[in-house]
């Protein structure tokens, strides 16, 4: 069973959605994925550089680890 709802979308997103054949299914799948992903958060989903930067910024991170992390983050 489905129910109709009205929501506001940014114009650019609405234009992209208009190209979809079944807009309701697309929106339903996107909302379902968003809600499931919110509940099933895992640090494994975060890019390694972002994790390293967050760890480097923590005050309790030991200096020797900060040095190694900074070295890794500044490598090209």
C-alpha atoms as a PDB file:
ATOM      1  CA  UNK A   1       0.000   0.000   0.000  1.00  0.00           C
ATOM      2  CA  UNK A   2       1.277   3.460  -0.867  1.00  0.00           C
ATOM      3  CA  UNK A   3       0.359   6.892   0.451  1.00  0.00           C
ATOM      4  CA  UNK A   4       0.821  10.252  -1.258  1.00  0.00           C
ATOM      5  CA  UNK A   5       3.041  12.862   0.401  1.00  0.00           C
ATOM      6  CA  UNK A   6       4.111  16.311  -0.722  1.00  0.00           C
ATOM      7  CA  UNK A   7       7.685  17.483  -0.167  1.00  0.00           C
ATOM      8  CA  UNK A   8       9.783  20.369  -1.419  1.00  0.00           C
ATOM      9  CA  UNK A   9      12.879  19.614  -3.476  1.00  0.00           C
ATOM     10  CA  UNK A  10      15.591  21.886  -4.800  1.00  0.00           C
ATOM     11  CA  UNK A  11      14.897  22.810  -8.446  1.00  0.00           C
ATOM     12  CA  UNK A  12      18.026  21.066  -9.761  1.00  0.00           C
ATOM     13  CA  UNK A  13      17.113  17.837  -8.021  1.00  0.00           C
ATOM     14  CA  UNK A  14      13.531  18.028  -9.295  1.00  0.00           C
ATOM     15  CA  UNK A  15      14.816  18.457 -12.856  1.00  0.00           C
ATOM     16  CA  UNK A  16      17.025  15.373 -12.515  1.00  0.00           C
ATOM     17  CA  UNK A  17      14.148  13.413 -10.978  1.00  0.00           C
ATOM     18  CA  UNK A  18      11.837  14.391 -13.841  1.00  0.00           C
ATOM     19  CA  UNK A  19      14.004  12.326 -16.190  1.00  0.00           C
ATOM     20  CA  UNK A  20      13.244   9.159 -14.210  1.00  0.00           C
ATOM     21  CA  UNK A  21      10.609   6.843 -15.625  1.00  0.00           C
ATOM     22  CA  UNK A  22       9.115   5.920 -12.231  1.00  0.00           C
ATOM     23  CA  UNK A  23       9.718   8.902  -9.964  1.00  0.00           C
ATOM     24  CA  UNK A  24       7.828   7.432  -6.993  1.00  0.00           C
ATOM     25  CA  UNK A  25       9.936   4.282  -7.017  1.00  0.00           C
ATOM     26  CA  UNK A  26      13.134   6.313  -7.323  1.00  0.00           C
ATOM     27  CA  UNK A  27      12.208   8.530  -4.377  1.00  0.00           C
ATOM     28  CA  UNK A  28      11.054   5.536  -2.298  1.00  0.00           C
ATOM     29  CA  UNK A  29      14.323   3.707  -2.905  1.00  0.00           C
ATOM     30  CA  UNK A  30      16.387   6.814  -2.112  1.00  0.00           C
ATOM     31  CA  UNK A  31      14.539   7.503   1.143  1.00  0.00           C
ATOM     32  CA  UNK A  32      14.733   3.836   2.155  1.00  0.00           C
ATOM     33  CA  UNK A  33      18.482   3.772   1.498  1.00  0.00           C
ATOM     34  CA  UNK A  34      18.982   7.028   3.409  1.00  0.00           C
ATOM     35  CA  UNK A  35      17.063   5.779   6.442  1.00  0.00           C
ATOM     36  CA  UNK A  36      18.814   2.387   6.425  1.00  0.00           C
ATOM     37  CA  UNK A  37      22.250   3.941   6.058  1.00  0.00           C
ATOM     38  CA  UNK A  38      21.545   6.258   8.981  1.00  0.00           C
ATOM     39  CA  UNK A  39      20.844   3.258  11.204  1.00  0.00           C
ATOM     40  CA  UNK A  40      23.764   1.161   9.979  1.00  0.00           C
ATOM     41  CA  UNK A  41      26.655   3.611  10.302  1.00  0.00           C
ATOM     42  CA  UNK A  42      30.108   2.085  10.144  1.00  0.00           C
ATOM     43  CA  UNK A  43      33.502   3.791  10.336  1.00  0.00           C
ATOM     44  CA  UNK A  44      34.445   1.547   7.411  1.00  0.00           C
ATOM     45  CA  UNK A  45      32.232   3.778   5.229  1.00  0.00           C
ATOM     46  CA  UNK A  46      34.387   6.847   5.917  1.00  0.00           C
ATOM     47  CA  UNK A  47      37.336   7.515   3.574  1.00  0.00           C
ATOM     48  CA  UNK A  48      40.692   6.722   5.223  1.00  0.00           C
ATOM     49  CA  UNK A  49      42.050  10.264   4.812  1.00  0.00           C
ATOM     50  CA  UNK A  50      39.016  11.669   6.595  1.00  0.00           C
ATOM     51  CA  UNK A  51      39.475   9.166   9.451  1.00  0.00           C
ATOM     52  CA  UNK A  52      43.159  10.019   9.722  1.00  0.00           C
ATOM     53  CA  UNK A  53      42.430  13.751   9.795  1.00  0.00           C
ATOM     54  CA  UNK A  54      39.811  13.270  12.510  1.00  0.00           C
ATOM     55  CA  UNK A  55      42.194  11.146  14.597  1.00  0.00           C
ATOM     56  CA  UNK A  56      45.001  13.687  14.157  1.00  0.00           C
ATOM     57  CA  UNK A  57      42.691  16.445  15.448  1.00  0.00           C
ATOM     58  CA  UNK A  58      41.856  14.611  18.681  1.00  0.00           C
ATOM     59  CA  UNK A  59      43.654  15.894  21.760  1.00  0.00           C
ATOM     60  CA  UNK A  60      44.176  12.437  23.261  1.00  0.00           C
ATOM     61  CA  UNK A  61      45.959  11.125  20.169  1.00  0.00           C
ATOM     62  CA  UNK A  62      49.597  10.385  21.139  1.00  0.00           C
ATOM     63  CA  UNK A  63      52.246  12.598  19.560  1.00  0.00           C
ATOM     64  CA  UNK A  64      54.041   9.725  17.803  1.00  0.00           C
ATOM     65  CA  UNK A  65      50.785   8.718  16.093  1.00  0.00           C
ATOM     66  CA  UNK A  66      50.055  12.336  15.165  1.00  0.00           C
ATOM     67  CA  UNK A  67      53.474  12.547  13.516  1.00  0.00           C
ATOM     68  CA  UNK A  68      52.861   9.370  11.508  1.00  0.00           C
ATOM     69  CA  UNK A  69      49.371  10.518  10.520  1.00  0.00           C
ATOM     70  CA  UNK A  70      50.621  13.948   9.474  1.00  0.00           C
ATOM     71  CA  UNK A  71      53.334  12.296   7.387  1.00  0.00           C
ATOM     72  CA  UNK A  72      50.717  10.131   5.647  1.00  0.00           C
ATOM     73  CA  UNK A  73      48.345  13.062   5.071  1.00  0.00           C
ATOM     74  CA  UNK A  74      51.033  15.269   3.539  1.00  0.00           C
ATOM     75  CA  UNK A  75      52.346  12.610   1.141  1.00  0.00           C
ATOM     76  CA  UNK A  76      51.492  13.185  -2.499  1.00  0.00           C
END
